[in-house]
Amino acid sequence: MPKGLKAIHLTASGGAFRDWPVEDLKHVTVEDATSHPNWDMGKKITVDSATLMNKGLEVIEAHYLFGTSYENIEIVIHPQSIIHSMIEMEDSSVLAQLGWPDMKLPILYAMSWPERFKTNWKRLNLSEIGQLTFKEPDEFKYPCMGLAYAAGKSSGTMPAVLNAANEMAVEQFLKEKISFQEIPKFISKACESHMENLNLSPALEDILEVDNWARLFVKQEIKKGKKYVSIG
């Protein structure tokens, strides 16, 4: 872990259902799940935002990129999507990266690092924003968050299984083969089934193998007798 770093705080918009009661999630349609309040993204990542799997995967990424323990990587719901991440230092100070909810800036930074290029984009105006709010994510509304932390802590091939199972489950949801709330259920099934074959020191070919296995597993589990009930 970089010297002086104590914790990483990952901000999440909360997705399409951040203001929905948990009990209403059983009525979610594909159109609902792919309509993001802040970001204009593709359907798959928009669904990941709605389940919070996008942040769960970022937690795993942060662990491997910065060597930070999972206990020191936290997710916080930030509806305005102005603060994109925060790092907490050993002296208790917190440094934040702020910007409009637009992917142009992070893409530019990734391409220009370590330089900073001048742009004519709209400047961030905090007075215009008015307020920044935060709340703790609801583990019952976002079960994928817990699955991601568990997969990360299991390490080895488990994160690859988590990611592949999620991609297949989301694909099947978008095709209306399963309901929104079944996404985490099939991911959990795949992760549980993989536990007995968990490889803690995988090579690239091992990761590719479990990636393929997880996709087939989820698809087969759905075919086993899952009957999609229309919720439209």
Protein backbone atom coordinates (compact mmCIF):
# COMPACT_ATOMS: atom_id res chain seq x y z
CA MET A 1 0.00 0.00 0.00
CA PRO A 2 1.37 3.49 -0.87
CA LYS A 3 3.00 5.24 2.07
CA GLY A 4 0.59 7.35 4.08
CA LEU A 5 -2.56 5.83 2.60
CA LYS A 6 -5.10 4.60 5.16
CA ALA A 7 -8.31 3.92 3.22
CA ILE A 8 -10.01 4.29 -0.15
CA HIS A 9 -13.58 5.57 -0.46
CA LEU A 10 -15.37 4.73 -3.72
CA THR A 11 -18.40 6.84 -4.49
CA ALA A 12 -21.43 5.34 -6.24
CA SER A 13 -24.43 7.12 -7.68
CA GLY A 14 -26.72 4.39 -6.37
CA GLY A 15 -27.96 3.65 -9.87
CA ALA A 16 -31.46 3.69 -11.24
CA PHE A 17 -33.05 2.42 -8.03
CA ARG A 18 -31.28 4.44 -5.36
CA ASP A 19 -34.61 6.00 -4.32
CA TRP A 20 -36.72 2.87 -4.75
CA PRO A 21 -37.88 0.86 -1.73
CA VAL A 22 -36.34 -2.63 -1.73
CA GLU A 23 -39.77 -4.25 -1.99
CA ASP A 24 -40.40 -2.49 -5.31
CA LEU A 25 -37.37 -4.08 -7.00
CA LYS A 26 -39.47 -7.14 -7.86
CA HIS A 27 -41.29 -4.92 -10.37
CA VAL A 28 -38.14 -3.76 -12.19
CA THR A 29 -38.17 -3.85 -15.99
CA VAL A 30 -35.22 -3.77 -18.38
CA GLU A 31 -36.16 -0.21 -19.30
CA ASP A 32 -36.09 0.80 -15.63
CA ALA A 33 -32.68 -0.77 -15.04
CA THR A 34 -31.09 0.80 -18.10
CA SER A 35 -32.21 4.37 -17.33
CA HIS A 36 -29.47 5.99 -15.27
CA PRO A 37 -30.19 9.28 -13.44
CA ASN A 38 -26.69 10.74 -13.90
CA TRP A 39 -24.64 8.89 -16.51
CA ASP A 40 -25.18 8.05 -20.18
CA MET A 41 -23.67 4.57 -20.47
CA GLY A 42 -24.22 1.26 -22.22
CA LYS A 43 -26.94 -1.10 -21.01
CA LYS A 44 -24.64 -3.59 -19.28
CA ILE A 45 -22.73 -1.08 -17.15
CA THR A 46 -25.98 0.75 -16.37
CA VAL A 47 -27.42 -2.48 -14.96
CA ASP A 48 -24.17 -2.99 -13.02
CA SER A 49 -24.67 0.48 -11.57
CA ALA A 50 -28.21 -0.46 -10.54
CA THR A 51 -26.96 -3.61 -8.74
CA LEU A 52 -23.78 -1.84 -7.49
CA MET A 53 -21.68 -4.60 -9.04
CA ASN A 54 -19.73 -1.90 -10.86
CA LYS A 55 -18.45 -0.63 -7.49
CA GLY A 56 -17.93 -4.15 -6.21
CA LEU A 57 -15.58 -4.80 -9.11
CA GLU A 58 -13.84 -1.48 -8.41
CA VAL A 59 -13.27 -2.61 -4.83
CA ILE A 60 -11.40 -5.67 -6.13
CA GLU A 61 -9.46 -3.53 -8.61
CA ALA A 62 -8.46 -1.08 -5.86
CA HIS A 63 -7.27 -3.94 -3.66
CA TYR A 64 -4.91 -5.24 -6.34
CA LEU A 65 -3.83 -1.84 -7.66
CA PHE A 66 -2.99 -0.27 -4.31
CA GLY A 67 -2.49 -3.23 -1.98
CA THR A 68 -5.21 -1.94 0.34
CA SER A 69 -7.09 -4.44 2.51
CA TYR A 70 -10.77 -4.95 1.78
CA GLU A 71 -11.59 -3.64 5.25
CA ASN A 72 -10.09 -0.30 4.19
CA ILE A 73 -11.96 0.04 0.89
CA GLU A 74 -15.43 1.48 1.38
CA ILE A 75 -18.36 2.24 -0.90
CA VAL A 76 -20.51 5.29 -0.24
CA ILE A 77 -23.63 6.40 -2.11
CA HIS A 78 -23.16 9.90 -3.51
CA PRO A 79 -26.25 10.80 -5.62
CA GLN A 80 -24.75 13.88 -7.31
CA SER A 81 -21.80 11.90 -8.81
CA ILE A 82 -19.51 14.91 -8.42
CA ILE A 83 -16.94 13.32 -6.12
CA HIS A 84 -15.62 10.31 -8.01
CA SER A 85 -13.28 8.89 -5.37
CA MET A 86 -11.59 9.79 -2.11
CA ILE A 87 -8.47 8.62 -0.36
CA GLU A 88 -8.02 8.86 3.38
CA MET A 89 -4.50 9.45 4.65
CA GLU A 90 -2.91 8.26 7.88
CA ASP A 91 -3.20 11.75 9.35
CA SER A 92 -7.02 11.57 8.84
CA SER A 93 -7.08 14.06 5.93
CA VAL A 94 -9.19 13.06 2.91
CA LEU A 95 -8.30 13.94 -0.69
CA ALA A 96 -11.10 13.89 -3.26
CA GLN A 97 -11.28 13.97 -7.05
CA LEU A 98 -14.24 16.06 -8.26
CA GLY A 99 -15.74 16.65 -11.67
CA TRP A 100 -18.96 16.63 -13.64
CA PRO A 101 -20.44 13.15 -14.26
CA ASP A 102 -18.81 12.80 -17.67
CA MET A 103 -16.34 10.12 -18.75
CA LYS A 104 -14.38 12.46 -21.03
CA LEU A 105 -12.16 13.66 -18.18
CA PRO A 106 -11.06 10.25 -16.81
CA ILE A 107 -10.47 9.01 -20.36
CA LEU A 108 -8.37 12.08 -21.14
CA TYR A 109 -6.38 11.68 -17.91
CA ALA A 110 -5.75 8.00 -18.61
CA MET A 111 -4.38 8.92 -22.04
CA SER A 112 -2.37 11.97 -20.94
CA TRP A 113 -0.96 10.86 -17.57
CA PRO A 114 1.25 12.13 -16.01
CA GLU A 115 0.53 15.35 -17.90
CA ARG A 116 -2.59 17.50 -17.63
CA PHE A 117 -4.02 18.76 -20.92
CA LYS A 118 -5.86 22.06 -21.19
CA THR A 119 -9.53 21.79 -22.22
CA ASN A 120 -12.36 24.22 -22.86
CA TRP A 121 -14.89 22.07 -21.02
CA LYS A 122 -17.36 23.57 -18.57
CA ARG A 123 -15.67 24.33 -15.27
CA LEU A 124 -16.98 22.71 -12.10
CA ASN A 125 -19.16 25.21 -10.24
CA LEU A 126 -19.85 24.16 -6.65
CA SER A 127 -22.33 27.01 -6.17
CA GLU A 128 -24.32 25.68 -9.11
CA ILE A 129 -24.29 22.17 -7.62
CA GLY A 130 -25.50 23.49 -4.28
CA GLN A 131 -24.95 20.45 -2.11
CA LEU A 132 -23.13 17.12 -1.98
CA THR A 133 -24.79 14.32 -0.03
CA PHE A 134 -23.74 10.83 1.04
CA LYS A 135 -25.29 7.74 2.56
CA GLU A 136 -24.29 4.19 3.38
CA PRO A 137 -25.34 1.62 0.75
CA ASP A 138 -28.17 -0.73 1.72
CA GLU A 139 -26.84 -4.30 1.66
CA PHE A 140 -30.37 -5.64 1.11
CA LYS A 141 -30.94 -3.43 -1.92
CA TYR A 142 -27.43 -4.14 -3.27
CA PRO A 143 -26.55 -7.81 -2.56
CA CYS A 144 -23.98 -7.77 -5.39
CA MET A 145 -21.84 -5.51 -3.23
CA GLY A 146 -21.46 -8.23 -0.60
CA LEU A 147 -20.81 -10.87 -3.26
CA ALA A 148 -17.96 -8.78 -4.66
CA TYR A 149 -16.31 -8.29 -1.28
CA ALA A 150 -16.62 -12.03 -0.56
CA ALA A 151 -15.17 -12.97 -3.96
CA GLY A 152 -12.29 -10.56 -3.50
CA LYS A 153 -11.45 -11.96 -0.09
CA SER A 154 -11.60 -15.51 -1.46
CA SER A 155 -9.03 -14.34 -4.04
CA GLY A 156 -7.51 -16.67 -6.65
CA THR A 157 -9.95 -17.50 -9.42
CA MET A 158 -13.04 -16.35 -7.53
CA PRO A 159 -13.07 -12.74 -8.82
CA ALA A 160 -12.97 -14.08 -12.39
CA VAL A 161 -15.97 -16.31 -11.62
CA LEU A 162 -17.81 -13.36 -10.06
CA ASN A 163 -17.22 -11.18 -13.12
CA ALA A 164 -18.12 -13.84 -15.69
CA ALA A 165 -21.24 -14.93 -13.78
CA ASN A 166 -22.34 -11.33 -13.53
CA GLU A 167 -21.84 -10.72 -17.24
CA MET A 168 -23.94 -13.76 -18.12
CA ALA A 169 -26.66 -12.98 -15.56
CA VAL A 170 -26.95 -9.39 -16.78
CA GLU A 171 -27.07 -10.60 -20.38
CA GLN A 172 -29.92 -12.95 -19.52
CA PHE A 173 -31.76 -10.19 -17.65
CA LEU A 174 -31.46 -7.88 -20.66
CA LYS A 175 -32.94 -10.70 -22.77
CA GLU A 176 -35.75 -10.97 -20.18
CA LYS A 177 -34.83 -14.55 -19.30
CA ILE A 178 -34.52 -13.74 -15.58
CA SER A 179 -35.76 -10.97 -13.30
CA PHE A 180 -33.60 -8.17 -11.93
CA GLN A 181 -33.46 -9.66 -8.43
CA GLU A 182 -32.30 -12.99 -9.82
CA ILE A 183 -29.04 -11.48 -11.06
CA PRO A 184 -27.28 -11.75 -7.67
CA LYS A 185 -28.85 -15.14 -7.02
CA PHE A 186 -27.21 -16.74 -10.05
CA ILE A 187 -23.91 -15.01 -9.33
CA SER A 188 -24.01 -16.39 -5.80
CA LYS A 189 -24.76 -19.89 -7.09
CA ALA A 190 -21.75 -19.78 -9.41
CA CYS A 191 -19.42 -18.54 -6.68
CA GLU A 192 -20.63 -21.15 -4.20
CA SER A 193 -20.25 -23.93 -6.77
CA HIS A 194 -16.70 -22.80 -7.57
CA MET A 195 -15.50 -22.90 -3.96
CA GLU A 196 -14.44 -26.56 -4.11
CA ASN A 197 -12.34 -25.87 -7.22
CA LEU A 198 -10.91 -22.53 -6.11
CA ASN A 199 -7.39 -22.00 -7.43
CA LEU A 200 -5.42 -19.57 -5.25
CA SER A 201 -2.46 -19.28 -7.64
CA PRO A 202 -3.99 -19.28 -11.12
CA ALA A 203 -2.18 -18.84 -14.39
CA LEU A 204 -3.81 -16.95 -17.26
CA GLU A 205 -5.18 -20.14 -18.78
CA ASP A 206 -6.80 -21.04 -15.44
CA ILE A 207 -8.56 -17.66 -15.31
CA LEU A 208 -9.80 -18.04 -18.87
CA GLU A 209 -11.04 -21.54 -18.07
CA VAL A 210 -13.07 -20.49 -15.02
CA ASP A 211 -14.39 -17.48 -16.93
CA ASN A 212 -15.84 -19.80 -19.54
CA TRP A 213 -17.07 -22.24 -16.86
CA ALA A 214 -18.94 -19.52 -14.94
CA ARG A 215 -20.74 -18.27 -18.04
CA LEU A 216 -21.87 -21.77 -18.97
CA PHE A 217 -22.84 -22.54 -15.37
CA VAL A 218 -25.15 -19.53 -15.10
CA LYS A 219 -26.71 -20.18 -18.50
CA GLN A 220 -27.33 -23.84 -17.62
CA GLU A 221 -28.77 -22.96 -14.21
CA ILE A 222 -31.23 -20.62 -15.88
CA LYS A 223 -32.20 -23.29 -18.40
CA LYS A 224 -32.75 -25.87 -15.68
CA GLY A 225 -36.30 -24.81 -15.15
CA LYS A 226 -36.20 -21.12 -14.52
CA LYS A 227 -39.31 -19.63 -16.06
CA TYR A 228 -39.30 -15.90 -16.47
CA VAL A 229 -42.52 -14.29 -15.27
CA SER A 230 -43.33 -11.07 -17.11
CA ILE A 231 -43.08 -8.05 -14.82
CA GLY A 232 -43.82 -5.43 -17.41
